[in-house]
Amino acid sequence: MQQPPSFKIKLLPRSEGTGVVKFCPWLVCVLWDEFLQLIWSFHSWGVIWCMFSMITVSVTAFLKISDTGIGHALAKHLDSLGFIVFAGVLDKDGPGAAELRRSCSQRLCVLQLDITNTTQVKEAYLTVSEKVQNAGLWGVVNNAGILGFPADGELLPMSTYRHCMEVNFFGAVEVSKTFLPLLRKSQGRLVNMSSMAGGIPLPRYAAYGASKAALSMFSGVMRQELSKWGIKVMAIHPSGFRTGIEGTAEQWDRQEKELMENLPADTRQAYGEEYLLGLRNYLLHLPSHCAPDLSPVLGSVLHALLARRPQGLYTPGKGAYAPLCIFCCFPLWFYDFFISKVLSAGSVPRQLRTSGDEGKNL
């Protein structure tokens, strides 16, 4: 098989994740983030050889994206760099798809793709296969995902768990399996957008985190199994970025209503109305704690697609390294204590408040 032409691409060192990660006064500053950033800077300086597929003059990539957020920005970014982009969207007639057609070049092709719909996945595969023919597809980026309603795992209805798994895991698995024959032709790349919550346990993300953890494990196994075919598989674990994944007020209303309707009476009594209504406040304030600049994530995806020796795992964003290192290197009780201080809940369930008051009166 003839090798595709090679080009030199100079990558500047990443800027995200710099600085000492400061914890509470009682905890010595952890320098893991700075240390790993230093290692990465040595790795990134200089010239990195990248191979392009032989389709016209650029890389061909298939993206499963949403109408906004990382996928939308990634499609524009790759198009601006000369990629031939197939962008799968939930609604090809929606405003997000219209914006892609308006702002991107003729190379970008918008496809109707609900990844939970097997028929649409197969139709997308046939469309892409017809376009790329024997050259194959260089990259598949699975980016579609939903957050659900962040709440204690006990409170979430089973439908939330199922929906998160259906979109965040099973959908990505089906797309990956369907498009692998095209990646085998080019010995290309499979990039799965997981999450920081898929690598470490975080309160209120039981459903979302479980689905992303499943995707991360799938990525790791596929990385091992597909290496014999020359296909490289990467997982990306971004920290908090402002992508709109939290949804709209209308979606919150529907999810909150479903949560309330499915709560057993004793559970509702234990948590109390104040705690339950406070869950929505978490969603309202979530964007303010997230970074608006998506360039660290876009840079990670680009490196995963183009670098000759990509990393198996990328953790773009400030604060992504330190919790993962603490989770992997320290006892679990220490990690749990750390997370409880960093992500302290604003309110306490009614039964625990009552128990605390009774204890003070004794």
Protein backbone atom coordinates (compact mmCIF):
# COMPACT_ATOMS: atom_id res chain seq x y z
CA MET A 1 0.00 0.00 0.00
CA GLN A 2 1.42 3.34 -1.05
CA GLN A 3 2.05 5.66 1.88
CA PRO A 4 0.33 9.05 1.88
CA PRO A 5 2.59 12.09 1.50
CA SER A 6 4.15 13.56 4.63
CA PHE A 7 4.21 17.18 5.69
CA LYS A 8 5.93 19.03 8.52
CA ILE A 9 3.73 20.78 11.01
CA LYS A 10 5.18 22.88 13.78
CA LEU A 11 3.11 22.71 16.94
CA LEU A 12 3.52 25.31 19.63
CA PRO A 13 3.48 24.17 23.26
CA ARG A 14 0.09 24.13 24.92
CA SER A 15 -0.90 27.03 27.11
CA GLU A 16 -3.71 25.41 29.03
CA GLY A 17 -3.22 23.91 32.45
CA THR A 18 -0.35 26.19 33.47
CA GLY A 19 0.23 27.39 36.97
CA VAL A 20 0.26 25.78 40.36
CA VAL A 21 -2.99 24.11 41.32
CA LYS A 22 -3.93 25.63 44.66
CA PHE A 23 -6.06 23.68 47.05
CA CYS A 24 -7.37 24.65 50.45
CA PRO A 25 -4.96 26.21 53.00
CA TRP A 26 -4.63 22.91 54.82
CA LEU A 27 -3.36 21.16 51.71
CA VAL A 28 0.13 21.62 50.32
CA CYS A 29 0.07 22.95 46.76
CA VAL A 30 0.22 20.10 44.30
CA LEU A 31 2.62 20.57 41.40
CA TRP A 32 1.45 17.70 39.24
CA ASP A 33 -0.18 19.98 36.73
CA GLU A 34 2.95 22.12 36.35
CA PHE A 35 5.19 19.07 36.17
CA LEU A 36 3.15 17.36 33.46
CA GLN A 37 2.82 20.63 31.59
CA LEU A 38 6.63 20.90 31.55
CA ILE A 39 6.95 17.38 30.18
CA TRP A 40 4.43 18.19 27.47
CA SER A 41 6.24 21.39 26.52
CA PHE A 42 9.43 19.44 25.83
CA HIS A 43 7.41 16.98 23.77
CA SER A 44 5.59 19.60 21.75
CA TRP A 45 8.43 21.95 20.74
CA GLY A 46 9.97 21.42 17.39
CA VAL A 47 8.78 19.73 14.25
CA ILE A 48 6.32 16.88 14.36
CA TRP A 49 5.86 14.75 11.28
CA CYS A 50 2.24 14.16 10.29
CA MET A 51 0.82 12.04 7.50
CA PHE A 52 -2.11 13.16 5.41
CA SER A 53 -4.44 10.93 3.44
CA MET A 54 -4.24 11.05 -0.34
CA ILE A 55 -7.73 12.44 -0.82
CA THR A 56 -7.15 15.65 -2.78
CA VAL A 57 -4.67 17.65 -0.68
CA SER A 58 -6.06 17.31 2.83
CA VAL A 59 -7.25 15.04 5.56
CA THR A 60 -10.76 13.66 5.37
CA ALA A 61 -12.58 13.54 8.70
CA PHE A 62 -16.01 12.40 9.78
CA LEU A 63 -17.39 14.23 12.81
CA LYS A 64 -20.49 13.50 14.81
CA ILE A 65 -21.28 16.89 16.24
CA SER A 66 -24.04 18.85 17.91
CA ASP A 67 -25.48 22.11 16.64
CA THR A 68 -23.25 24.05 19.03
CA GLY A 69 -20.24 23.58 21.27
CA ILE A 70 -17.02 21.66 20.64
CA GLY A 71 -18.21 19.72 17.61
CA HIS A 72 -19.52 22.82 15.87
CA ALA A 73 -16.29 24.73 16.53
CA LEU A 74 -14.21 21.72 15.50
CA ALA A 75 -15.97 21.37 12.14
CA LYS A 76 -15.26 25.03 11.37
CA HIS A 77 -11.66 24.76 12.56
CA LEU A 78 -10.85 21.67 10.51
CA ASP A 79 -12.54 23.14 7.45
CA SER A 80 -10.46 26.31 7.77
CA LEU A 81 -7.30 24.14 7.82
CA GLY A 82 -8.23 22.43 4.55
CA PHE A 83 -9.79 19.21 5.82
CA ILE A 84 -12.58 17.57 3.90
CA VAL A 85 -15.19 17.39 6.67
CA PHE A 86 -18.31 15.27 6.91
CA ALA A 87 -20.31 16.77 9.78
CA GLY A 88 -23.11 14.64 11.18
CA VAL A 89 -25.77 16.73 12.90
CA LEU A 90 -28.95 15.88 14.76
CA ASP A 91 -31.00 18.19 12.53
CA LYS A 92 -29.55 19.01 9.11
CA ASP A 93 -32.18 21.72 8.66
CA GLY A 94 -31.51 23.31 12.06
CA PRO A 95 -29.73 26.61 12.76
CA GLY A 96 -26.43 24.91 13.60
CA ALA A 97 -26.29 23.09 10.27
CA ALA A 98 -27.28 26.27 8.44
CA GLU A 99 -24.45 28.15 10.14
CA LEU A 100 -21.94 25.51 9.04
CA ARG A 101 -23.10 25.74 5.43
CA ARG A 102 -22.92 29.51 5.52
CA SER A 103 -19.52 29.90 7.15
CA CYS A 104 -17.59 26.90 5.84
CA SER A 105 -16.20 26.00 2.43
CA GLN A 106 -17.70 23.73 -0.21
CA ARG A 107 -15.54 20.90 1.16
CA LEU A 108 -17.74 20.53 4.24
CA CYS A 109 -20.68 18.16 3.88
CA VAL A 110 -23.51 18.23 6.42
CA LEU A 111 -25.15 14.86 7.07
CA GLN A 112 -28.33 14.02 8.94
CA LEU A 113 -27.24 11.77 11.79
CA ASP A 114 -28.95 10.77 14.99
CA ILE A 115 -26.42 8.30 16.39
CA THR A 116 -29.17 6.44 18.25
CA ASN A 117 -30.82 5.71 14.89
CA THR A 118 -29.17 2.71 13.21
CA THR A 119 -30.69 3.55 9.83
CA GLN A 120 -29.22 7.06 9.83
CA VAL A 121 -25.80 5.72 10.85
CA LYS A 122 -25.82 3.29 7.91
CA GLU A 123 -26.99 5.99 5.50
CA ALA A 124 -24.20 8.29 6.67
CA TYR A 125 -21.68 5.49 6.13
CA LEU A 126 -22.91 4.87 2.58
CA THR A 127 -22.71 8.58 1.76
CA VAL A 128 -19.17 8.91 3.07
CA SER A 129 -18.08 5.64 1.42
CA GLU A 130 -19.32 6.85 -1.95
CA LYS A 131 -17.37 10.11 -1.56
CA VAL A 132 -14.03 8.70 -0.38
CA GLN A 133 -14.19 5.41 -2.32
CA ASN A 134 -10.95 3.39 -2.11
CA ALA A 135 -8.93 6.12 -0.42
CA GLY A 136 -10.67 5.50 2.88
CA LEU A 137 -11.34 7.92 5.71
CA TRP A 138 -8.51 9.40 7.76
CA GLY A 139 -10.37 10.30 10.94
CA VAL A 140 -13.61 9.69 12.84
CA VAL A 141 -14.34 12.01 15.77
CA ASN A 142 -17.17 10.94 18.06
CA ASN A 143 -18.21 14.13 19.82
CA ALA A 144 -21.97 13.89 20.30
CA GLY A 145 -23.01 13.80 23.94
CA ILE A 146 -25.64 14.79 26.47
CA LEU A 147 -25.25 15.80 30.12
CA GLY A 148 -28.64 14.99 31.55
CA PHE A 149 -29.79 16.62 34.77
CA PRO A 150 -26.89 16.80 37.29
CA ALA A 151 -28.17 15.41 40.56
CA ASP A 152 -27.38 12.80 43.19
CA GLY A 153 -27.32 9.35 41.63
CA GLU A 154 -30.10 8.20 43.95
CA LEU A 155 -32.40 10.91 42.63
CA LEU A 156 -31.89 10.38 38.91
CA PRO A 157 -34.61 8.38 37.13
CA MET A 158 -33.50 5.29 35.23
CA SER A 159 -34.46 6.98 31.97
CA THR A 160 -31.61 9.46 32.48
CA TYR A 161 -29.10 6.65 32.89
CA ARG A 162 -30.42 4.89 29.79
CA HIS A 163 -30.46 8.06 27.68
CA CYS A 164 -26.90 8.98 28.63
CA MET A 165 -25.68 5.48 27.81
CA GLU A 166 -27.62 5.44 24.55
CA VAL A 167 -26.08 8.67 23.25
CA ASN A 168 -22.70 8.94 24.99
CA PHE A 169 -21.71 5.29 24.74
CA PHE A 170 -23.82 3.04 22.50
CA GLY A 171 -24.13 5.70 19.79
CA ALA A 172 -20.37 6.26 19.70
CA VAL A 173 -19.72 2.51 19.64
CA GLU A 174 -22.09 1.99 16.71
CA VAL A 175 -20.57 4.86 14.71
CA SER A 176 -17.07 3.53 15.41
CA LYS A 177 -17.91 -0.02 14.38
CA THR A 178 -19.73 1.14 11.25
CA PHE A 179 -16.91 3.37 9.99
CA LEU A 180 -13.95 1.13 10.89
CA PRO A 181 -13.74 -0.42 7.37
CA LEU A 182 -13.00 3.06 5.99
CA LEU A 183 -10.39 3.73 8.68
CA ARG A 184 -8.75 0.38 7.93
CA LYS A 185 -8.19 1.43 4.32
CA SER A 186 -6.25 4.53 5.32
CA GLN A 187 -4.86 3.26 8.65
CA GLY A 188 -6.49 6.33 10.13
CA ARG A 189 -7.58 7.69 13.49
CA LEU A 190 -10.53 7.18 15.81
CA VAL A 191 -11.00 9.99 18.34
CA ASN A 192 -13.59 9.68 21.11
CA MET A 193 -14.61 12.75 23.10
CA SER A 194 -15.00 11.48 26.64
CA SER A 195 -14.87 13.75 29.68
CA MET A 196 -13.00 14.51 32.86
CA ALA A 197 -16.02 12.86 34.52
CA GLY A 198 -15.24 9.70 32.57
CA GLY A 199 -11.86 9.32 34.25
CA ILE A 200 -12.64 10.29 37.84
CA PRO A 201 -15.82 10.07 39.96
CA LEU A 202 -17.51 13.45 40.42
CA PRO A 203 -20.64 14.12 42.53
CA ARG A 204 -23.89 14.73 40.59
CA TYR A 205 -22.53 13.05 37.45
CA ALA A 206 -23.43 9.42 38.08
CA ALA A 207 -25.27 8.93 34.78
CA TYR A 208 -23.09 11.15 32.63
CA GLY A 209 -19.84 9.97 34.23
CA ALA A 210 -20.75 6.30 33.92
CA SER A 211 -21.49 6.67 30.20
CA LYS A 212 -18.24 8.57 29.57
CA ALA A 213 -16.25 6.07 31.63
CA ALA A 214 -17.67 3.31 29.43
CA LEU A 215 -16.59 5.28 26.35
CA SER A 216 -13.09 5.75 27.78
CA MET A 217 -12.72 2.02 28.48
CA PHE A 218 -14.02 1.21 24.99
CA SER A 219 -11.41 3.60 23.55
CA GLY A 220 -8.63 1.93 25.51
CA VAL A 221 -9.57 -1.57 24.42
CA MET A 222 -9.99 -0.49 20.80
CA ARG A 223 -6.60 1.24 20.92
CA GLN A 224 -5.03 -2.10 21.82
CA GLU A 225 -7.04 -4.21 19.38
CA LEU A 226 -6.85 -1.92 16.35
CA SER A 227 -3.12 -1.25 16.59
CA LYS A 228 -2.46 -4.38 14.52
CA TRP A 229 -4.38 -2.72 11.68
CA GLY A 230 -2.39 0.48 11.95
CA ILE A 231 -5.41 2.39 13.32
CA LYS A 232 -4.73 4.70 16.25
CA VAL A 233 -7.43 5.34 18.86
CA MET A 234 -7.45 8.32 21.22
CA ALA A 235 -9.71 9.45 24.06
CA ILE A 236 -10.03 13.08 25.08
CA HIS A 237 -10.96 14.05 28.66
CA PRO A 238 -11.63 17.80 28.66
CA SER A 239 -12.17 19.67 31.89
CA GLY A 240 -14.98 22.24 32.13
CA PHE A 241 -15.62 24.15 28.89
CA ARG A 242 -18.58 26.31 27.97
CA THR A 243 -20.25 24.23 25.27
CA GLY A 244 -23.97 24.49 25.96
CA ILE A 245 -24.16 20.80 26.91
CA GLU A 246 -26.16 21.75 30.01
CA GLY A 247 -29.13 22.39 27.71
CA THR A 248 -31.91 24.96 27.73
CA ALA A 249 -34.38 26.13 30.36
CA GLU A 250 -37.10 24.17 28.58
CA GLN A 251 -35.06 20.97 28.83
CA TRP A 252 -34.34 21.66 32.49
CA ASP A 253 -38.06 21.99 33.20
CA ARG A 254 -38.79 18.68 31.54
CA GLN A 255 -35.93 16.86 33.27
CA GLU A 256 -36.72 18.37 36.66
CA LYS A 257 -40.37 17.39 36.31
CA GLU A 258 -39.44 13.82 35.41
CA LEU A 259 -37.07 13.63 38.36
CA MET A 260 -39.70 14.87 40.81
CA GLU A 261 -42.42 12.59 39.47
CA ASN A 262 -40.26 9.46 39.84
CA LEU A 263 -39.03 10.11 43.37
CA PRO A 264 -40.34 7.74 46.06
CA ALA A 265 -42.09 9.54 48.92
CA ASP A 266 -39.49 8.57 51.53
CA THR A 267 -36.63 9.77 49.29
CA ARG A 268 -38.37 13.09 48.70
CA GLN A 269 -38.90 13.44 52.44
CA ALA A 270 -35.25 12.63 53.22
CA TYR A 271 -33.83 15.18 50.78
CA GLY A 272 -36.47 17.88 51.20
CA GLU A 273 -37.89 20.38 48.73
CA GLU A 274 -35.18 22.96 49.37
CA TYR A 275 -32.41 20.55 48.36
CA LEU A 276 -34.30 19.29 45.32
CA LEU A 277 -35.10 22.76 44.02
CA GLY A 278 -31.48 23.77 44.60
CA LEU A 279 -30.32 21.26 41.99
CA ARG A 280 -31.47 23.64 39.27
CA ASN A 281 -29.28 26.40 40.68
CA TYR A 282 -26.27 24.20 40.02
CA LEU A 283 -27.19 24.12 36.33
CA LEU A 284 -27.72 27.88 36.26
CA HIS A 285 -24.23 28.55 37.63
CA LEU A 286 -22.45 25.77 35.72
CA PRO A 287 -21.43 27.89 32.67
CA SER A 288 -19.77 30.51 34.89
CA HIS A 289 -17.31 27.86 36.12
CA CYS A 290 -16.41 26.71 32.61
CA ALA A 291 -13.77 28.11 30.24
CA PRO A 292 -15.19 29.93 27.19
CA ASP A 293 -12.10 29.31 25.03
CA LEU A 294 -12.37 25.95 23.26
CA SER A 295 -8.95 26.13 21.60
CA PRO A 296 -7.27 23.67 24.04
CA VAL A 297 -9.79 20.99 23.05
CA LEU A 298 -9.51 21.80 19.35
CA GLY A 299 -5.73 21.60 19.62
CA SER A 300 -5.95 18.17 21.27
CA VAL A 301 -8.22 16.82 18.55
CA LEU A 302 -5.95 18.22 15.84
CA HIS A 303 -2.90 16.63 17.44
CA ALA A 304 -4.75 13.32 17.77
CA LEU A 305 -5.61 13.42 14.07
CA LEU A 306 -2.27 14.57 12.70
CA ALA A 307 0.61 13.63 15.00
CA ARG A 308 2.59 10.62 13.91
CA ARG A 309 2.65 9.36 17.50
CA PRO A 310 -0.50 10.73 19.16
CA GLN A 311 -1.19 10.32 22.85
CA GLY A 312 -3.67 7.69 23.91
CA LEU A 313 -5.27 10.14 26.34
CA TYR A 314 -5.59 13.93 26.16
CA THR A 315 -6.67 16.07 29.11
CA PRO A 316 -7.12 19.62 27.78
CA GLY A 317 -8.12 22.43 30.10
CA LYS A 318 -7.00 23.90 33.37
CA GLY A 319 -7.44 21.59 36.33
CA ALA A 320 -7.74 18.43 34.24
CA TYR A 321 -4.43 16.88 35.36
CA ALA A 322 -4.40 17.35 39.13
CA PRO A 323 -7.65 15.51 40.08
CA LEU A 324 -6.76 12.63 37.78
CA CYS A 325 -3.28 12.34 39.32
CA ILE A 326 -4.71 12.47 42.85
CA PHE A 327 -7.28 9.81 41.96
CA CYS A 328 -4.61 7.53 40.49
CA CYS A 329 -1.78 8.10 42.96
CA PHE A 330 -3.41 8.75 46.34
CA PRO A 331 -5.70 6.64 48.56
CA LEU A 332 -9.37 6.89 47.64
CA TRP A 333 -10.31 8.40 50.99
CA PHE A 334 -7.94 11.27 50.26
CA TYR A 335 -9.40 11.81 46.79
CA ASP A 336 -12.95 11.76 48.21
CA PHE A 337 -11.95 14.28 50.87
CA PHE A 338 -10.30 16.50 48.26
CA ILE A 339 -13.35 16.44 45.98
CA SER A 340 -15.72 17.12 48.90
CA LYS A 341 -13.78 20.33 49.63
CA VAL A 342 -13.36 21.47 46.05
CA LEU A 343 -16.94 20.67 45.00
CA SER A 344 -18.72 21.29 48.27
CA ALA A 345 -22.49 21.20 47.90
CA GLY A 346 -24.41 24.40 48.50
CA SER A 347 -27.22 22.77 50.44
CA VAL A 348 -27.69 19.75 52.69
CA PRO A 349 -30.55 17.23 52.55
CA ARG A 350 -33.30 17.90 55.08
CA GLN A 351 -32.78 14.69 57.03
CA LEU A 352 -29.08 15.40 57.51
CA ARG A 353 -29.80 18.95 58.66
CA THR A 354 -32.32 17.61 61.14
CA SER A 355 -29.90 14.96 62.39
CA GLY A 356 -27.22 17.62 62.83
CA ASP A 357 -29.51 19.88 64.80
CA GLU A 358 -30.54 17.02 67.07
CA GLY A 359 -26.89 16.17 67.69
CA LYS A 360 -26.14 19.74 68.76
CA ASN A 361 -29.03 19.68 71.23
CA LEU A 362 -27.78 16.55 73.00
